[in-house]
Amino acid sequence: MARTDLQLTNNDIDVLNNDFIISESDGQHVQDTINANVGWWKETYTSGVGVMSYLKSKNTAELSRKIMIELKADNYNSSPIMTFTNNGLLNINPNVTL
């Protein structure tokens, strides 16, 4: 069963007919977990990967491990796949299933 939450577009809550739109949120949840730093959420202050702190780091194994740990804590099965493009950009596919 997919999780649902407020639908976001560009980090803004979507509204239709003066009401919030509820939609499947697994993709957004995974993205938020990877982007969030530890301490961003008061309810789960130890959650978050903090992907930006790995900027210019070549240690993709540590980043992959951190993503896997955080997503497993949220009851996802994850085996992150990380690849570098020809121009040096890192692509992260969290490879998530429920």
PDB file of N, CA and C in Angstrom:
ATOM      1  N   MET A   1       0.844  -1.184   0.000  1.00  0.00           N
ATOM      2  CA  MET A   1       0.000   0.000   0.000  1.00  0.00           C
ATOM      3  C   MET A   1       0.885   1.243   0.000  1.00  0.00           C
ATOM      4  N   ALA A   2       0.645   2.100  -0.913  1.00  0.00           N
ATOM      5  CA  ALA A   2       1.435   3.330  -1.034  1.00  0.00           C
ATOM      6  C   ALA A   2       1.041   4.323   0.056  1.00  0.00           C
ATOM      7  N   ARG A   3       1.996   5.114   0.454  1.00  0.00           N
ATOM      8  CA  ARG A   3       1.741   6.162   1.437  1.00  0.00           C
ATOM      9  C   ARG A   3       1.181   7.384   0.726  1.00  0.00           C
ATOM     10  N   THR A   4       0.377   8.154   1.428  1.00  0.00           N
ATOM     11  CA  THR A   4      -0.172   9.378   0.850  1.00  0.00           C
ATOM     12  C   THR A   4       0.142  10.561   1.749  1.00  0.00           C
ATOM     13  N   ASP A   5       0.169  11.737   1.129  1.00  0.00           N
ATOM     14  CA  ASP A   5       0.468  12.974   1.848  1.00  0.00           C
ATOM     15  C   ASP A   5       0.019  14.134   0.973  1.00  0.00           C
ATOM     16  N   LEU A   6       0.226  15.334   1.461  1.00  0.00           N
ATOM     17  CA  LEU A   6      -0.082  16.510   0.667  1.00  0.00           C
ATOM     18  C   LEU A   6       0.774  16.504  -0.596  1.00  0.00           C
ATOM     19  N   GLN A   7       0.152  16.786  -1.723  1.00  0.00           N
ATOM     20  CA  GLN A   7       0.891  16.825  -2.984  1.00  0.00           C
ATOM     21  C   GLN A   7       1.678  18.122  -3.077  1.00  0.00           C
ATOM     22  N   LEU A   8       2.947  17.992  -3.468  1.00  0.00           N
ATOM     23  CA  LEU A   8       3.824  19.153  -3.598  1.00  0.00           C
ATOM     24  C   LEU A   8       4.272  19.320  -5.043  1.00  0.00           C
ATOM     25  N   THR A   9       4.421  20.576  -5.456  1.00  0.00           N
ATOM     26  CA  THR A   9       5.052  20.917  -6.727  1.00  0.00           C
ATOM     27  C   THR A   9       6.053  22.017  -6.427  1.00  0.00           C
ATOM     28  N   ASN A  10       7.315  21.759  -6.705  1.00  0.00           N
ATOM     29  CA  ASN A  10       8.394  22.712  -6.403  1.00  0.00           C
ATOM     30  C   ASN A  10       8.353  23.146  -4.940  1.00  0.00           C
ATOM     31  N   ASN A  11       8.139  22.195  -4.049  1.00  0.00           N
ATOM     32  CA  ASN A  11       8.080  22.402  -2.599  1.00  0.00           C
ATOM     33  C   ASN A  11       6.934  23.304  -2.147  1.00  0.00           C
ATOM     34  N   ASP A  12       5.935  23.501  -2.994  1.00  0.00           N
ATOM     35  CA  ASP A  12       4.722  24.225  -2.632  1.00  0.00           C
ATOM     36  C   ASP A  12       3.561  23.242  -2.586  1.00  0.00           C
ATOM     37  N   ILE A  13       2.670  23.425  -1.603  1.00  0.00           N
ATOM     38  CA  ILE A  13       1.513  22.550  -1.474  1.00  0.00           C
ATOM     39  C   ILE A  13       0.517  22.870  -2.581  1.00  0.00           C
ATOM     40  N   ASP A  14       0.040  21.830  -3.273  1.00  0.00           N
ATOM     41  CA  ASP A  14      -0.939  22.002  -4.347  1.00  0.00           C
ATOM     42  C   ASP A  14      -2.341  22.096  -3.763  1.00  0.00           C
ATOM     43  N   VAL A  15      -3.127  23.012  -4.333  1.00  0.00           N
ATOM     44  CA  VAL A  15      -4.499  23.251  -3.879  1.00  0.00           C
ATOM     45  C   VAL A  15      -5.423  23.190  -5.085  1.00  0.00           C
ATOM     46  N   LEU A  16      -6.597  22.562  -4.905  1.00  0.00           N
ATOM     47  CA  LEU A  16      -7.613  22.498  -5.944  1.00  0.00           C
ATOM     48  C   LEU A  16      -8.960  22.744  -5.297  1.00  0.00           C
ATOM     49  N   ASN A  17      -9.712  23.707  -5.799  1.00  0.00           N
ATOM     50  CA  ASN A  17     -11.023  24.064  -5.242  1.00  0.00           C
ATOM     51  C   ASN A  17     -10.939  24.381  -3.751  1.00  0.00           C
ATOM     52  N   ASN A  18      -9.945  25.165  -3.375  1.00  0.00           N
ATOM     53  CA  ASN A  18      -9.721  25.587  -1.991  1.00  0.00           C
ATOM     54  C   ASN A  18      -9.503  24.422  -1.022  1.00  0.00           C
ATOM     55  N   ASP A  19      -8.959  23.318  -1.527  1.00  0.00           N
ATOM     56  CA  ASP A  19      -8.670  22.167  -0.675  1.00  0.00           C
ATOM     57  C   ASP A  19      -7.312  21.594  -1.074  1.00  0.00           C
ATOM     58  N   PHE A  20      -6.626  21.013  -0.103  1.00  0.00           N
ATOM     59  CA  PHE A  20      -5.338  20.394  -0.375  1.00  0.00           C
ATOM     60  C   PHE A  20      -5.535  19.139  -1.208  1.00  0.00           C
ATOM     61  N   ILE A  21      -4.585  18.869  -2.081  1.00  0.00           N
ATOM     62  CA  ILE A  21      -4.610  17.658  -2.896  1.00  0.00           C
ATOM     63  C   ILE A  21      -3.778  16.590  -2.186  1.00  0.00           C
ATOM     64  N   ILE A  22      -4.366  15.431  -1.999  1.00  0.00           N
ATOM     65  CA  ILE A  22      -3.679  14.289  -1.380  1.00  0.00           C
ATOM     66  C   ILE A  22      -3.303  13.325  -2.495  1.00  0.00           C
ATOM     67  N   SER A  23      -2.052  12.864  -2.492  1.00  0.00           N
ATOM     68  CA  SER A  23      -1.608  11.930  -3.528  1.00  0.00           C
ATOM     69  C   SER A  23      -0.560  10.979  -2.952  1.00  0.00           C
ATOM     70  N   GLU A  24      -0.182  10.000  -3.764  1.00  0.00           N
ATOM     71  CA  GLU A  24       0.869   9.063  -3.372  1.00  0.00           C
ATOM     72  C   GLU A  24       2.157   9.848  -3.124  1.00  0.00           C
ATOM     73  N   SER A  25       2.847   9.529  -2.034  1.00  0.00           N
ATOM     74  CA  SER A  25       3.982  10.366  -1.637  1.00  0.00           C
ATOM     75  C   SER A  25       5.297   9.619  -1.458  1.00  0.00           C
ATOM     76  N   ASP A  26       5.363   8.363  -1.873  1.00  0.00           N
ATOM     77  CA  ASP A  26       6.608   7.610  -1.671  1.00  0.00           C
ATOM     78  C   ASP A  26       7.806   8.283  -2.331  1.00  0.00           C
ATOM     79  N   GLY A  27       7.655   8.720  -3.564  1.00  0.00           N
ATOM     80  CA  GLY A  27       8.765   9.378  -4.263  1.00  0.00           C
ATOM     81  C   GLY A  27       9.222  10.632  -3.550  1.00  0.00           C
ATOM     82  N   GLN A  28       8.260  11.458  -3.134  1.00  0.00           N
ATOM     83  CA  GLN A  28       8.588  12.690  -2.418  1.00  0.00           C
ATOM     84  C   GLN A  28       9.232  12.381  -1.069  1.00  0.00           C
ATOM     85  N   HIS A  29       8.730  11.349  -0.395  1.00  0.00           N
ATOM     86  CA  HIS A  29       9.274  10.985   0.911  1.00  0.00           C
ATOM     87  C   HIS A  29      10.736  10.540   0.797  1.00  0.00           C
ATOM     88  N   VAL A  30      11.023   9.731  -0.221  1.00  0.00           N
ATOM     89  CA  VAL A  30      12.401   9.265  -0.433  1.00  0.00           C
ATOM     90  C   VAL A  30      13.300  10.453  -0.752  1.00  0.00           C
ATOM     91  N   GLN A  31      12.839  11.345  -1.619  1.00  0.00           N
ATOM     92  CA  GLN A  31      13.626  12.527  -1.974  1.00  0.00           C
ATOM     93  C   GLN A  31      13.873  13.405  -0.746  1.00  0.00           C
ATOM     94  N   ASP A  32      12.850  13.630   0.067  1.00  0.00           N
ATOM     95  CA  ASP A  32      13.003  14.445   1.275  1.00  0.00           C
ATOM     96  C   ASP A  32      13.992  13.818   2.250  1.00  0.00           C
ATOM     97  N   THR A  33      13.928  12.501   2.405  1.00  0.00           N
ATOM     98  CA  THR A  33      14.847  11.806   3.321  1.00  0.00           C
ATOM     99  C   THR A  33      16.292  11.933   2.856  1.00  0.00           C
ATOM    100  N   ILE A  34      16.528  11.817   1.563  1.00  0.00           N
ATOM    101  CA  ILE A  34      17.885  11.919   1.024  1.00  0.00           C
ATOM    102  C   ILE A  34      18.411  13.351   1.159  1.00  0.00           C
ATOM    103  N   ASN A  35      17.557  14.346   0.954  1.00  0.00           N
ATOM    104  CA  ASN A  35      17.983  15.744   1.031  1.00  0.00           C
ATOM    105  C   ASN A  35      18.132  16.258   2.460  1.00  0.00           C
ATOM    106  N   ALA A  36      17.330  15.768   3.392  1.00  0.00           N
ATOM    107  CA  ALA A  36      17.283  16.307   4.753  1.00  0.00           C
ATOM    108  C   ALA A  36      18.559  16.032   5.534  1.00  0.00           C
ATOM    109  N   ASN A  37      18.960  16.998   6.316  1.00  0.00           N
ATOM    110  CA  ASN A  37      20.063  16.810   7.247  1.00  0.00           C
ATOM    111  C   ASN A  37      19.521  16.313   8.578  1.00  0.00           C
ATOM    112  N   VAL A  38      20.351  15.661   9.346  1.00  0.00           N
ATOM    113  CA  VAL A  38      19.960  15.222  10.686  1.00  0.00           C
ATOM    114  C   VAL A  38      19.555  16.458  11.484  1.00  0.00           C
ATOM    115  N   GLY A  39      18.402  16.371  12.155  1.00  0.00           N
ATOM    116  CA  GLY A  39      17.914  17.473  12.971  1.00  0.00           C
ATOM    117  C   GLY A  39      16.892  18.357  12.285  1.00  0.00           C
ATOM    118  N   TRP A  40      16.616  18.136  11.002  1.00  0.00           N
ATOM    119  CA  TRP A  40      15.638  18.966  10.294  1.00  0.00           C
ATOM    120  C   TRP A  40      14.218  18.726  10.788  1.00  0.00           C
ATOM    121  N   TRP A  41      13.892  17.494  11.182  1.00  0.00           N
ATOM    122  CA  TRP A  41      12.531  17.170  11.604  1.00  0.00           C
ATOM    123  C   TRP A  41      12.524  16.884  13.092  1.00  0.00           C
ATOM    124  N   LYS A  42      11.752  17.655  13.848  1.00  0.00           N
ATOM    125  CA  LYS A  42      11.757  17.495  15.297  1.00  0.00           C
ATOM    126  C   LYS A  42      11.139  16.170  15.738  1.00  0.00           C
ATOM    127  N   GLU A  43      10.242  15.603  14.930  1.00  0.00           N
ATOM    128  CA  GLU A  43       9.616  14.336  15.300  1.00  0.00           C
ATOM    129  C   GLU A  43      10.603  13.173  15.196  1.00  0.00           C
ATOM    130  N   THR A  44      11.490  13.248  14.212  1.00  0.00           N
ATOM    131  CA  THR A  44      12.505  12.201  13.998  1.00  0.00           C
ATOM    132  C   THR A  44      13.838  12.897  13.770  1.00  0.00           C
ATOM    133  N   TYR A  45      14.367  13.483  14.813  1.00  0.00           N
ATOM    134  CA  TYR A  45      15.544  14.354  14.699  1.00  0.00           C
ATOM    135  C   TYR A  45      16.823  13.644  14.289  1.00  0.00           C
ATOM    136  N   THR A  46      16.851  12.322  14.315  1.00  0.00           N
ATOM    137  CA  THR A  46      18.055  11.607  13.869  1.00  0.00           C
ATOM    138  C   THR A  46      17.943  11.145  12.419  1.00  0.00           C
ATOM    139  N   SER A  47      16.811  11.425  11.769  1.00  0.00           N
ATOM    140  CA  SER A  47      16.599  10.994  10.382  1.00  0.00           C
ATOM    141  C   SER A  47      17.215  11.975   9.400  1.00  0.00           C
ATOM    142  N   GLY A  48      17.590  11.456   8.258  1.00  0.00           N
ATOM    143  CA  GLY A  48      18.091  12.287   7.171  1.00  0.00           C
ATOM    144  C   GLY A  48      19.469  11.851   6.711  1.00  0.00           C
ATOM    145  N   VAL A  49      19.674  11.937   5.402  1.00  0.00           N
ATOM    146  CA  VAL A  49      20.959  11.565   4.806  1.00  0.00           C
ATOM    147  C   VAL A  49      21.877  12.774   4.708  1.00  0.00           C
ATOM    148  N   GLY A  50      21.332  13.926   4.324  1.00  0.00           N
ATOM    149  CA  GLY A  50      22.161  15.116   4.144  1.00  0.00           C
ATOM    150  C   GLY A  50      23.074  14.989   2.941  1.00  0.00           C
ATOM    151  N   VAL A  51      22.484  14.697   1.790  1.00  0.00           N
ATOM    152  CA  VAL A  51      23.268  14.427   0.586  1.00  0.00           C
ATOM    153  C   VAL A  51      24.198  15.590   0.231  1.00  0.00           C
ATOM    154  N   MET A  52      23.814  16.811   0.547  1.00  0.00           N
ATOM    155  CA  MET A  52      24.657  17.961   0.203  1.00  0.00           C
ATOM    156  C   MET A  52      25.972  17.967   0.985  1.00  0.00           C
ATOM    157  N   SER A  53      26.013  17.287   2.118  1.00  0.00           N
ATOM    158  CA  SER A  53      27.265  17.230   2.876  1.00  0.00           C
ATOM    159  C   SER A  53      28.281  16.306   2.205  1.00  0.00           C
ATOM    160  N   TYR A  54      27.844  15.548   1.215  1.00  0.00           N
ATOM    161  CA  TYR A  54      28.739  14.672   0.467  1.00  0.00           C
ATOM    162  C   TYR A  54      29.240  15.337  -0.813  1.00  0.00           C
ATOM    163  N   LEU A  55      28.945  16.620  -0.971  1.00  0.00           N
ATOM    164  CA  LEU A  55      29.360  17.363  -2.151  1.00  0.00           C
ATOM    165  C   LEU A  55      30.880  17.296  -2.298  1.00  0.00           C
ATOM    166  N   LYS A  56      31.346  16.997  -3.479  1.00  0.00           N
ATOM    167  CA  LYS A  56      32.768  16.859  -3.826  1.00  0.00           C
ATOM    168  C   LYS A  56      33.445  15.667  -3.154  1.00  0.00           C
ATOM    169  N   SER A  57      32.658  14.784  -2.559  1.00  0.00           N
ATOM    170  CA  SER A  57      33.202  13.582  -1.950  1.00  0.00           C
ATOM    171  C   SER A  57      33.180  12.458  -2.980  1.00  0.00           C
ATOM    172  N   LYS A  58      34.189  11.660  -2.985  1.00  0.00           N
ATOM    173  CA  LYS A  58      34.239  10.501  -3.882  1.00  0.00           C
ATOM    174  C   LYS A  58      33.782   9.230  -3.173  1.00  0.00           C
ATOM    175  N   ASN A  59      33.365   9.355  -1.909  1.00  0.00           N
ATOM    176  CA  ASN A  59      32.997   8.202  -1.113  1.00  0.00           C
ATOM    177  C   ASN A  59      31.527   7.844  -1.329  1.00  0.00           C
ATOM    178  N   THR A  60      31.225   7.277  -2.501  1.00  0.00           N
ATOM    179  CA  THR A  60      29.842   6.913  -2.788  1.00  0.00           C
ATOM    180  C   THR A  60      29.389   5.707  -1.968  1.00  0.00           C
ATOM    181  N   ALA A  61      30.313   4.879  -1.515  1.00  0.00           N
ATOM    182  CA  ALA A  61      29.939   3.722  -0.702  1.00  0.00           C
ATOM    183  C   ALA A  61      29.327   4.173   0.622  1.00  0.00           C
ATOM    184  N   GLU A  62      29.896   5.191   1.237  1.00  0.00           N
ATOM    185  CA  GLU A  62      29.357   5.711   2.499  1.00  0.00           C
ATOM    186  C   GLU A  62      27.992   6.345   2.271  1.00  0.00           C
ATOM    187  N   LEU A  63      27.854   7.098   1.189  1.00  0.00           N
ATOM    188  CA  LEU A  63      26.572   7.729   0.873  1.00  0.00           C
ATOM    189  C   LEU A  63      25.518   6.662   0.595  1.00  0.00           C
ATOM    190  N   SER A  64      25.858   5.658  -0.168  1.00  0.00           N
ATOM    191  CA  SER A  64      24.941   4.562  -0.470  1.00  0.00           C
ATOM    192  C   SER A  64      24.489   3.858   0.799  1.00  0.00           C
ATOM    193  N   ARG A  65      25.422   3.604   1.694  1.00  0.00           N
ATOM    194  CA  ARG A  65      25.113   2.947   2.979  1.00  0.00           C
ATOM    195  C   ARG A  65      24.166   3.805   3.807  1.00  0.00           C
ATOM    196  N   LYS A  66      24.415   5.115   3.859  1.00  0.00           N
ATOM    197  CA  LYS A  66      23.572   6.024   4.635  1.00  0.00           C
ATOM    198  C   LYS A  66      22.150   6.071   4.067  1.00  0.00           C
ATOM    199  N   ILE A  67      22.022   6.113   2.742  1.00  0.00           N
ATOM    200  CA  ILE A  67      20.695   6.101   2.109  1.00  0.00           C
ATOM    201  C   ILE A  67      19.965   4.817   2.453  1.00  0.00           C
ATOM    202  N   MET A  68      20.661   3.691   2.341  1.00  0.00           N
ATOM    203  CA  MET A  68      20.045   2.402   2.629  1.00  0.00           C
ATOM    204  C   MET A  68      19.568   2.323   4.080  1.00  0.00           C
ATOM    205  N   ILE A  69      20.375   2.785   5.025  1.00  0.00           N
ATOM    206  CA  ILE A  69      20.012   2.755   6.452  1.00  0.00           C
ATOM    207  C   ILE A  69      18.785   3.620   6.714  1.00  0.00           C
ATOM    208  N   GLU A  70      18.787   4.848   6.189  1.00  0.00           N
ATOM    209  CA  GLU A  70      17.677   5.766   6.446  1.00  0.00           C
ATOM    210  C   GLU A  70      16.371   5.282   5.823  1.00  0.00           C
ATOM    211  N   LEU A  71      16.437   4.729   4.613  1.00  0.00           N
ATOM    212  CA  LEU A  71      15.219   4.260   3.974  1.00  0.00           C
ATOM    213  C   LEU A  71      14.698   2.977   4.615  1.00  0.00           C
ATOM    214  N   LYS A  72      15.590   2.123   5.093  1.00  0.00           N
ATOM    215  CA  LYS A  72      15.149   0.921   5.813  1.00  0.00           C
ATOM    216  C   LYS A  72      14.473   1.308   7.130  1.00  0.00           C
ATOM    217  N   ALA A  73      14.928   2.385   7.764  1.00  0.00           N
ATOM    218  CA  ALA A  73      14.295   2.866   8.988  1.00  0.00           C
ATOM    219  C   ALA A  73      12.860   3.323   8.724  1.00  0.00           C
ATOM    220  N   ASP A  74      12.564   3.692   7.482  1.00  0.00           N
ATOM    221  CA  ASP A  74      11.210   4.089   7.086  1.00  0.00           C
ATOM    222  C   ASP A  74      10.448   2.944   6.420  1.00  0.00           C
ATOM    223  N   ASN A  75      10.914   1.730   6.623  1.00  0.00           N
ATOM    224  CA  ASN A  75      10.271   0.510   6.117  1.00  0.00           C
ATOM    225  C   ASN A  75      10.279   0.379   4.598  1.00  0.00           C
ATOM    226  N   TYR A  76      11.298   0.924   3.952  1.00  0.00           N
ATOM    227  CA  TYR A  76      11.510   0.710   2.528  1.00  0.00           C
ATOM    228  C   TYR A  76      12.625  -0.312   2.368  1.00  0.00           C
ATOM    229  N   ASN A  77      12.552  -1.103   1.317  1.00  0.00           N
ATOM    230  CA  ASN A  77      13.675  -1.955   0.930  1.00  0.00           C
ATOM    231  C   ASN A  77      14.444  -1.170  -0.117  1.00  0.00           C
ATOM    232  N   SER A  78      15.721  -0.950   0.130  1.00  0.00           N
ATOM    233  CA  SER A  78      16.494  -0.094  -0.763  1.00  0.00           C
ATOM    234  C   SER A  78      17.873  -0.667  -1.032  1.00  0.00           C
ATOM    235  N   SER A  79      18.259  -0.611  -2.290  1.00  0.00           N
ATOM    236  CA  SER A  79      19.618  -0.930  -2.723  1.00  0.00           C
ATOM    237  C   SER A  79      20.039   0.182  -3.673  1.00  0.00           C
ATOM    238  N   PRO A  80      20.516   1.304  -3.130  1.00  0.00           N
ATOM    239  CA  PRO A  80      20.812   2.461  -3.976  1.00  0.00           C
ATOM    240  C   PRO A  80      21.805   2.137  -5.087  1.00  0.00           C
ATOM    241  N   ILE A  81      21.531   2.705  -6.260  1.00  0.00           N
ATOM    242  CA  ILE A  81      22.424   2.571  -7.401  1.00  0.00           C
ATOM    243  C   ILE A  81      22.929   3.969  -7.733  1.00  0.00           C
ATOM    244  N   MET A  82      24.236   4.151  -7.683  1.00  0.00           N
ATOM    245  CA  MET A  82      24.827   5.460  -7.946  1.00  0.00           C
ATOM    246  C   MET A  82      25.756   5.370  -9.144  1.00  0.00           C
ATOM    247  N   THR A  83      25.565   6.296 -10.062  1.00  0.00           N
ATOM    248  CA  THR A  83      26.402   6.341 -11.254  1.00  0.00           C
ATOM    249  C   THR A  83      26.821   7.781 -11.515  1.00  0.00           C
ATOM    250  N   PHE A  84      27.965   7.929 -12.149  1.00  0.00           N
ATOM    251  CA  PHE A  84      28.450   9.240 -12.555  1.00  0.00           C
ATOM    252  C   PHE A  84      28.232   9.402 -14.054  1.00  0.00           C
ATOM    253  N   THR A  85      27.741  10.570 -14.460  1.00  0.00           N
ATOM    254  CA  THR A  85      27.580  10.867 -15.878  1.00  0.00           C
ATOM    255  C   THR A  85      28.941  11.255 -16.449  1.00  0.00           C
ATOM    256  N   ASN A  86      29.017  11.403 -17.765  1.00  0.00           N
ATOM    257  CA  ASN A  86      30.269  11.773 -18.420  1.00  0.00           C
ATOM    258  C   ASN A  86      30.779  13.128 -17.969  1.00  0.00           C
ATOM    259  N   ASN A  87      29.865  14.028 -17.569  1.00  0.00           N
ATOM    260  CA  ASN A  87      30.307  15.354 -17.117  1.00  0.00           C
ATOM    261  C   ASN A  87      30.459  15.432 -15.600  1.00  0.00           C
ATOM    262  N   GLY A  88      30.478  14.292 -14.923  1.00  0.00           N
ATOM    263  CA  GLY A  88      30.795  14.253 -13.503  1.00  0.00           C
ATOM    264  C   GLY A  88      29.634  14.390 -12.548  1.00  0.00           C
ATOM    265  N   LEU A  89      28.396  14.404 -13.046  1.00  0.00           N
ATOM    266  CA  LEU A  89      27.243  14.500 -12.159  1.00  0.00           C
ATOM    267  C   LEU A  89      26.910  13.135 -11.566  1.00  0.00           C
ATOM    268  N   LEU A  90      26.536  13.129 -10.293  1.00  0.00           N
ATOM    269  CA  LEU A  90      26.171  11.896  -9.608  1.00  0.00           C
ATOM    270  C   LEU A  90      24.674  11.679  -9.734  1.00  0.00           C
ATOM    271  N   ASN A  91      24.270  10.542 -10.247  1.00  0.00           N
ATOM    272  CA  ASN A  91      22.860  10.148 -10.312  1.00  0.00           C
ATOM    273  C   ASN A  91      22.608   9.146  -9.199  1.00  0.00           C
ATOM    274  N   ILE A  92      21.584   9.399  -8.394  1.00  0.00           N
ATOM    275  CA  ILE A  92      21.226   8.500  -7.312  1.00  0.00           C
ATOM    276  C   ILE A  92      19.865   7.907  -7.616  1.00  0.00           C
ATOM    277  N   ASN A  93      19.824   6.582  -7.772  1.00  0.00           N
ATOM    278  CA  ASN A  93      18.566   5.860  -7.909  1.00  0.00           C
ATOM    279  C   ASN A  93      18.398   5.071  -6.617  1.00  0.00           C
ATOM    280  N   PRO A  94      17.480   5.496  -5.735  1.00  0.00           N
ATOM    281  CA  PRO A  94      17.352   4.812  -4.452  1.00  0.00           C
ATOM    282  C   PRO A  94      16.873   3.375  -4.571  1.00  0.00           C
ATOM    283  N   ASN A  95      16.300   2.996  -5.736  1.00  0.00           N
ATOM    284  CA  ASN A  95      15.897   1.617  -5.998  1.00  0.00           C
ATOM    285  C   ASN A  95      15.034   1.100  -4.853  1.00  0.00           C
ATOM    286  N   VAL A  96      13.917   1.768  -4.609  1.00  0.00           N
ATOM    287  CA  VAL A  96      13.083   1.527  -3.434  1.00  0.00           C
ATOM    288  C   VAL A  96      11.871   0.670  -3.758  1.00  0.00           C
ATOM    289  N   THR A  97      11.564  -0.238  -2.850  1.00  0.00           N
ATOM    290  CA  THR A  97      10.300  -0.985  -2.865  1.00  0.00           C
ATOM    291  C   THR A  97       9.760  -1.015  -1.449  1.00  0.00           C
ATOM    292  N   LEU A  98       8.450  -1.230  -1.352  1.00  0.00           N
ATOM    293  CA  LEU A  98       7.830  -1.345  -0.027  1.00  0.00           C
ATOM    294  C   LEU A  98       7.833  -2.767   0.437  1.00  0.00           C
TER     295      LEU A  98
END
